[in-house]
């Protein structure tokens, strides 16, 4: 039951929450300017919003927090599946 420990939970939260937050900011900025995002561009923006996960992944590895790094990696994989779904069905 290692996944229930706080460290991997924070990793998954960072891995999914940070890209979702950045995607929300981008959508808010485009909405406030009155512009629309094409569906094909949305998948690219969603994929690019996951780039800051690299910083947190390598930071966790450098601090020897392997379980947190595994959580960030799991969150990044889930975000990649979300991006694939947006690209496939959007």
N, C-alpha and C. Protein backbone atom coordinates (compact mmCIF):
# COMPACT_ATOMS: atom_id res chain seq x y z
N UNK A 1 0.82 -1.18 0.00
CA UNK A 1 0.00 0.00 0.00
C UNK A 1 0.87 1.26 0.00
N UNK A 2 1.96 1.24 -0.75
CA UNK A 2 2.87 2.37 -0.77
C UNK A 2 2.30 3.60 -1.43
N UNK A 3 1.28 3.44 -2.28
CA UNK A 3 0.73 4.59 -2.97
C UNK A 3 -0.06 5.50 -2.05
N UNK A 4 -0.48 4.98 -0.91
CA UNK A 4 -1.26 5.78 0.02
C UNK A 4 -0.39 6.69 0.88
N UNK A 5 0.91 6.55 0.78
CA UNK A 5 1.81 7.41 1.55
C UNK A 5 1.79 8.81 0.94
N UNK A 6 2.12 9.82 1.71
CA UNK A 6 2.00 11.20 1.22
C UNK A 6 2.93 11.55 0.06
N UNK A 7 4.12 11.00 0.00
CA UNK A 7 5.07 11.41 -1.02
C UNK A 7 4.61 11.09 -2.45
N UNK A 8 4.18 9.85 -2.75
CA UNK A 8 3.69 9.62 -4.11
C UNK A 8 2.39 10.36 -4.41
N UNK A 9 1.59 10.58 -3.37
CA UNK A 9 0.36 11.32 -3.57
C UNK A 9 0.65 12.75 -4.01
N UNK A 10 1.64 13.38 -3.38
CA UNK A 10 2.03 14.72 -3.80
C UNK A 10 2.60 14.71 -5.21
N UNK A 11 3.31 13.65 -5.54
CA UNK A 11 3.86 13.54 -6.89
C UNK A 11 2.78 13.47 -7.95
N UNK A 12 1.76 12.66 -7.71
CA UNK A 12 0.65 12.56 -8.67
C UNK A 12 -0.11 13.88 -8.72
N UNK A 13 -0.28 14.51 -7.57
CA UNK A 13 -0.97 15.80 -7.54
C UNK A 13 -0.21 16.84 -8.35
N UNK A 14 1.10 16.86 -8.23
CA UNK A 14 1.91 17.78 -9.04
C UNK A 14 1.86 17.39 -10.50
N UNK A 15 1.96 16.09 -10.78
CA UNK A 15 2.00 15.61 -12.16
C UNK A 15 0.73 15.87 -12.94
N UNK A 16 -0.41 15.91 -12.27
CA UNK A 16 -1.67 16.17 -12.95
C UNK A 16 -2.13 17.61 -12.72
N UNK A 17 -1.95 18.09 -11.51
CA UNK A 17 -2.48 19.42 -11.15
C UNK A 17 -1.76 20.57 -11.81
N UNK A 18 -0.46 20.50 -11.93
CA UNK A 18 0.29 21.61 -12.53
C UNK A 18 -0.05 21.81 -14.00
N UNK A 19 -0.07 20.75 -14.83
CA UNK A 19 -0.48 20.97 -16.22
C UNK A 19 -1.93 21.43 -16.35
N UNK A 20 -2.81 20.90 -15.49
CA UNK A 20 -4.21 21.33 -15.55
C UNK A 20 -4.33 22.81 -15.19
N UNK A 21 -3.57 23.25 -14.20
CA UNK A 21 -3.57 24.65 -13.81
C UNK A 21 -3.06 25.54 -14.95
N UNK A 22 -1.96 25.13 -15.59
CA UNK A 22 -1.41 25.91 -16.69
C UNK A 22 -2.36 25.93 -17.89
N UNK A 23 -3.01 24.81 -18.17
CA UNK A 23 -3.99 24.77 -19.26
C UNK A 23 -5.17 25.68 -18.94
N UNK A 24 -5.59 25.70 -17.70
CA UNK A 24 -6.67 26.60 -17.28
C UNK A 24 -6.30 28.06 -17.45
N UNK A 25 -5.06 28.42 -17.13
CA UNK A 25 -4.62 29.80 -17.31
C UNK A 25 -4.62 30.17 -18.78
N UNK A 26 -4.13 29.27 -19.64
CA UNK A 26 -4.10 29.55 -21.08
C UNK A 26 -5.51 29.71 -21.62
N UNK A 27 -6.42 28.84 -21.21
CA UNK A 27 -7.80 28.95 -21.67
C UNK A 27 -8.45 30.23 -21.17
N UNK A 28 -8.14 30.64 -19.95
CA UNK A 28 -8.68 31.88 -19.40
C UNK A 28 -8.15 33.09 -20.17
N UNK A 29 -6.87 33.09 -20.49
CA UNK A 29 -6.29 34.21 -21.23
C UNK A 29 -6.91 34.32 -22.62
N UNK A 30 -7.05 33.18 -23.29
CA UNK A 30 -7.67 33.21 -24.62
C UNK A 30 -9.13 33.64 -24.54
N UNK A 31 -9.84 33.21 -23.50
CA UNK A 31 -11.24 33.58 -23.35
C UNK A 31 -11.39 35.07 -23.03
N UNK A 32 -10.49 35.59 -22.21
CA UNK A 32 -10.59 37.01 -21.86
C UNK A 32 -10.24 37.91 -23.05
N UNK A 33 -9.47 37.41 -24.00
CA UNK A 33 -9.15 38.18 -25.20
C UNK A 33 -10.20 38.00 -26.29
N UNK A 34 -11.16 37.14 -26.08
CA UNK A 34 -12.21 36.90 -27.05
C UNK A 34 -11.79 36.02 -28.21
N UNK A 35 -10.70 35.30 -28.05
CA UNK A 35 -10.21 34.41 -29.10
C UNK A 35 -10.67 32.98 -28.81
N UNK A 36 -10.79 32.20 -29.83
CA UNK A 36 -11.14 30.79 -29.68
C UNK A 36 -9.94 29.92 -30.03
N UNK A 37 -9.80 28.82 -29.31
CA UNK A 37 -8.73 27.88 -29.58
C UNK A 37 -9.30 26.76 -30.46
N UNK A 38 -8.60 26.46 -31.54
CA UNK A 38 -9.04 25.37 -32.39
C UNK A 38 -8.81 24.05 -31.66
N UNK A 39 -9.60 23.07 -32.00
CA UNK A 39 -9.49 21.77 -31.32
C UNK A 39 -8.14 21.11 -31.58
N UNK A 40 -7.58 21.34 -32.74
CA UNK A 40 -6.27 20.73 -33.04
C UNK A 40 -5.17 21.37 -32.21
N UNK A 41 -5.31 22.65 -31.91
CA UNK A 41 -4.30 23.34 -31.12
C UNK A 41 -4.42 23.02 -29.64
N UNK A 42 -5.60 22.62 -29.19
CA UNK A 42 -5.80 22.34 -27.77
C UNK A 42 -4.95 21.17 -27.30
N UNK A 43 -4.81 20.15 -28.13
CA UNK A 43 -3.97 19.01 -27.75
C UNK A 43 -2.51 19.42 -27.65
N UNK A 44 -2.05 20.28 -28.53
CA UNK A 44 -0.67 20.75 -28.45
C UNK A 44 -0.42 21.60 -27.22
N UNK A 45 -1.37 22.45 -26.89
CA UNK A 45 -1.24 23.28 -25.70
C UNK A 45 -1.26 22.41 -24.45
N UNK A 46 -2.11 21.39 -24.44
CA UNK A 46 -2.17 20.47 -23.29
C UNK A 46 -0.86 19.70 -23.14
N UNK A 47 -0.25 19.32 -24.26
CA UNK A 47 1.03 18.61 -24.19
C UNK A 47 2.15 19.51 -23.70
N UNK A 48 2.16 20.75 -24.15
CA UNK A 48 3.20 21.68 -23.72
C UNK A 48 3.06 22.10 -22.27
N UNK A 49 1.85 22.03 -21.74
CA UNK A 49 1.67 22.43 -20.34
C UNK A 49 2.26 21.40 -19.37
N UNK A 50 2.64 20.23 -19.86
CA UNK A 50 3.25 19.22 -19.00
C UNK A 50 4.76 19.35 -18.90
N UNK A 51 5.36 20.28 -19.62
CA UNK A 51 6.81 20.45 -19.59
C UNK A 51 7.35 20.80 -18.20
N UNK A 52 6.67 21.64 -17.41
CA UNK A 52 7.21 21.91 -16.06
C UNK A 52 7.32 20.68 -15.17
N UNK A 53 6.64 19.59 -15.51
CA UNK A 53 6.78 18.35 -14.74
C UNK A 53 8.21 17.83 -14.78
N UNK A 54 8.93 18.12 -15.86
CA UNK A 54 10.33 17.69 -15.94
C UNK A 54 11.16 18.31 -14.81
N UNK A 55 10.93 19.59 -14.56
CA UNK A 55 11.67 20.27 -13.49
C UNK A 55 11.41 19.60 -12.14
N UNK A 56 10.15 19.34 -11.84
CA UNK A 56 9.82 18.73 -10.55
C UNK A 56 10.28 17.27 -10.47
N UNK A 57 10.26 16.55 -11.59
CA UNK A 57 10.72 15.16 -11.62
C UNK A 57 12.21 15.09 -11.30
N UNK A 58 13.02 15.89 -11.99
CA UNK A 58 14.45 15.85 -11.74
C UNK A 58 14.82 16.46 -10.39
N UNK A 59 14.02 17.41 -9.91
CA UNK A 59 14.24 17.96 -8.57
C UNK A 59 14.02 16.87 -7.52
N UNK A 60 12.95 16.08 -7.69
CA UNK A 60 12.67 15.01 -6.73
C UNK A 60 13.76 13.94 -6.78
N UNK A 61 14.27 13.62 -7.97
CA UNK A 61 15.36 12.65 -8.05
C UNK A 61 16.63 13.18 -7.39
N UNK A 62 16.90 14.46 -7.58
CA UNK A 62 18.10 15.05 -6.99
C UNK A 62 18.04 15.06 -5.46
N UNK A 63 16.83 15.23 -4.91
CA UNK A 63 16.64 15.24 -3.46
C UNK A 63 16.44 13.84 -2.89
N UNK A 64 16.64 12.81 -3.73
CA UNK A 64 16.50 11.40 -3.34
C UNK A 64 15.09 11.08 -2.83
N UNK A 65 14.10 11.68 -3.44
CA UNK A 65 12.70 11.39 -3.14
C UNK A 65 12.14 10.57 -4.31
N UNK A 66 12.56 9.32 -4.35
CA UNK A 66 12.20 8.46 -5.48
C UNK A 66 10.70 8.23 -5.58
N UNK A 67 10.03 8.06 -4.45
CA UNK A 67 8.59 7.79 -4.52
C UNK A 67 7.83 9.01 -5.04
N UNK A 68 8.27 10.20 -4.71
CA UNK A 68 7.64 11.40 -5.25
C UNK A 68 7.90 11.50 -6.76
N UNK A 69 9.11 11.13 -7.18
CA UNK A 69 9.43 11.14 -8.61
C UNK A 69 8.57 10.13 -9.36
N UNK A 70 8.31 8.96 -8.74
CA UNK A 70 7.44 7.97 -9.37
C UNK A 70 6.01 8.52 -9.50
N UNK A 71 5.57 9.25 -8.50
CA UNK A 71 4.24 9.85 -8.56
C UNK A 71 4.13 10.89 -9.65
N UNK A 72 5.18 11.71 -9.80
CA UNK A 72 5.19 12.72 -10.86
C UNK A 72 5.20 12.04 -12.22
N UNK A 73 5.96 10.97 -12.34
CA UNK A 73 5.99 10.22 -13.59
C UNK A 73 4.62 9.60 -13.89
N UNK A 74 3.95 9.06 -12.90
CA UNK A 74 2.62 8.51 -13.09
C UNK A 74 1.64 9.60 -13.51
N UNK A 75 1.71 10.76 -12.87
CA UNK A 75 0.86 11.88 -13.25
C UNK A 75 1.13 12.34 -14.66
N UNK A 76 2.39 12.34 -15.07
CA UNK A 76 2.73 12.74 -16.43
C UNK A 76 2.20 11.74 -17.45
N UNK A 77 2.24 10.46 -17.11
CA UNK A 77 1.70 9.44 -18.01
C UNK A 77 0.19 9.59 -18.13
N UNK A 78 -0.49 9.85 -17.01
CA UNK A 78 -1.93 10.07 -17.07
C UNK A 78 -2.27 11.32 -17.88
N UNK A 79 -1.46 12.37 -17.74
CA UNK A 79 -1.67 13.59 -18.53
C UNK A 79 -1.43 13.32 -20.01
N UNK A 80 -0.46 12.48 -20.34
CA UNK A 80 -0.22 12.12 -21.73
C UNK A 80 -1.40 11.34 -22.30
N UNK A 81 -2.00 10.47 -21.51
CA UNK A 81 -3.19 9.76 -21.96
C UNK A 81 -4.36 10.71 -22.18
N UNK A 82 -4.49 11.71 -21.30
CA UNK A 82 -5.52 12.74 -21.48
C UNK A 82 -5.29 13.51 -22.77
N UNK A 83 -4.04 13.88 -23.03
CA UNK A 83 -3.71 14.61 -24.25
C UNK A 83 -4.00 13.76 -25.48
N UNK A 84 -3.68 12.48 -25.40
CA UNK A 84 -3.97 11.57 -26.51
C UNK A 84 -5.48 11.46 -26.75
N UNK A 85 -6.24 11.43 -25.67
CA UNK A 85 -7.70 11.38 -25.80
C UNK A 85 -8.26 12.65 -26.43
N UNK A 86 -7.71 13.80 -26.05
CA UNK A 86 -8.15 15.07 -26.65
C UNK A 86 -7.80 15.08 -28.13
N UNK A 87 -6.63 14.59 -28.47
CA UNK A 87 -6.21 14.56 -29.87
C UNK A 87 -7.04 13.56 -30.67
N UNK A 88 -7.35 12.43 -30.08
CA UNK A 88 -8.08 11.39 -30.80
C UNK A 88 -9.55 11.72 -30.96
N UNK A 89 -10.18 12.20 -29.90
CA UNK A 89 -11.62 12.43 -29.93
C UNK A 89 -12.00 13.89 -30.16
N UNK A 90 -11.04 14.79 -30.07
CA UNK A 90 -11.36 16.22 -30.19
C UNK A 90 -11.25 16.74 -31.51
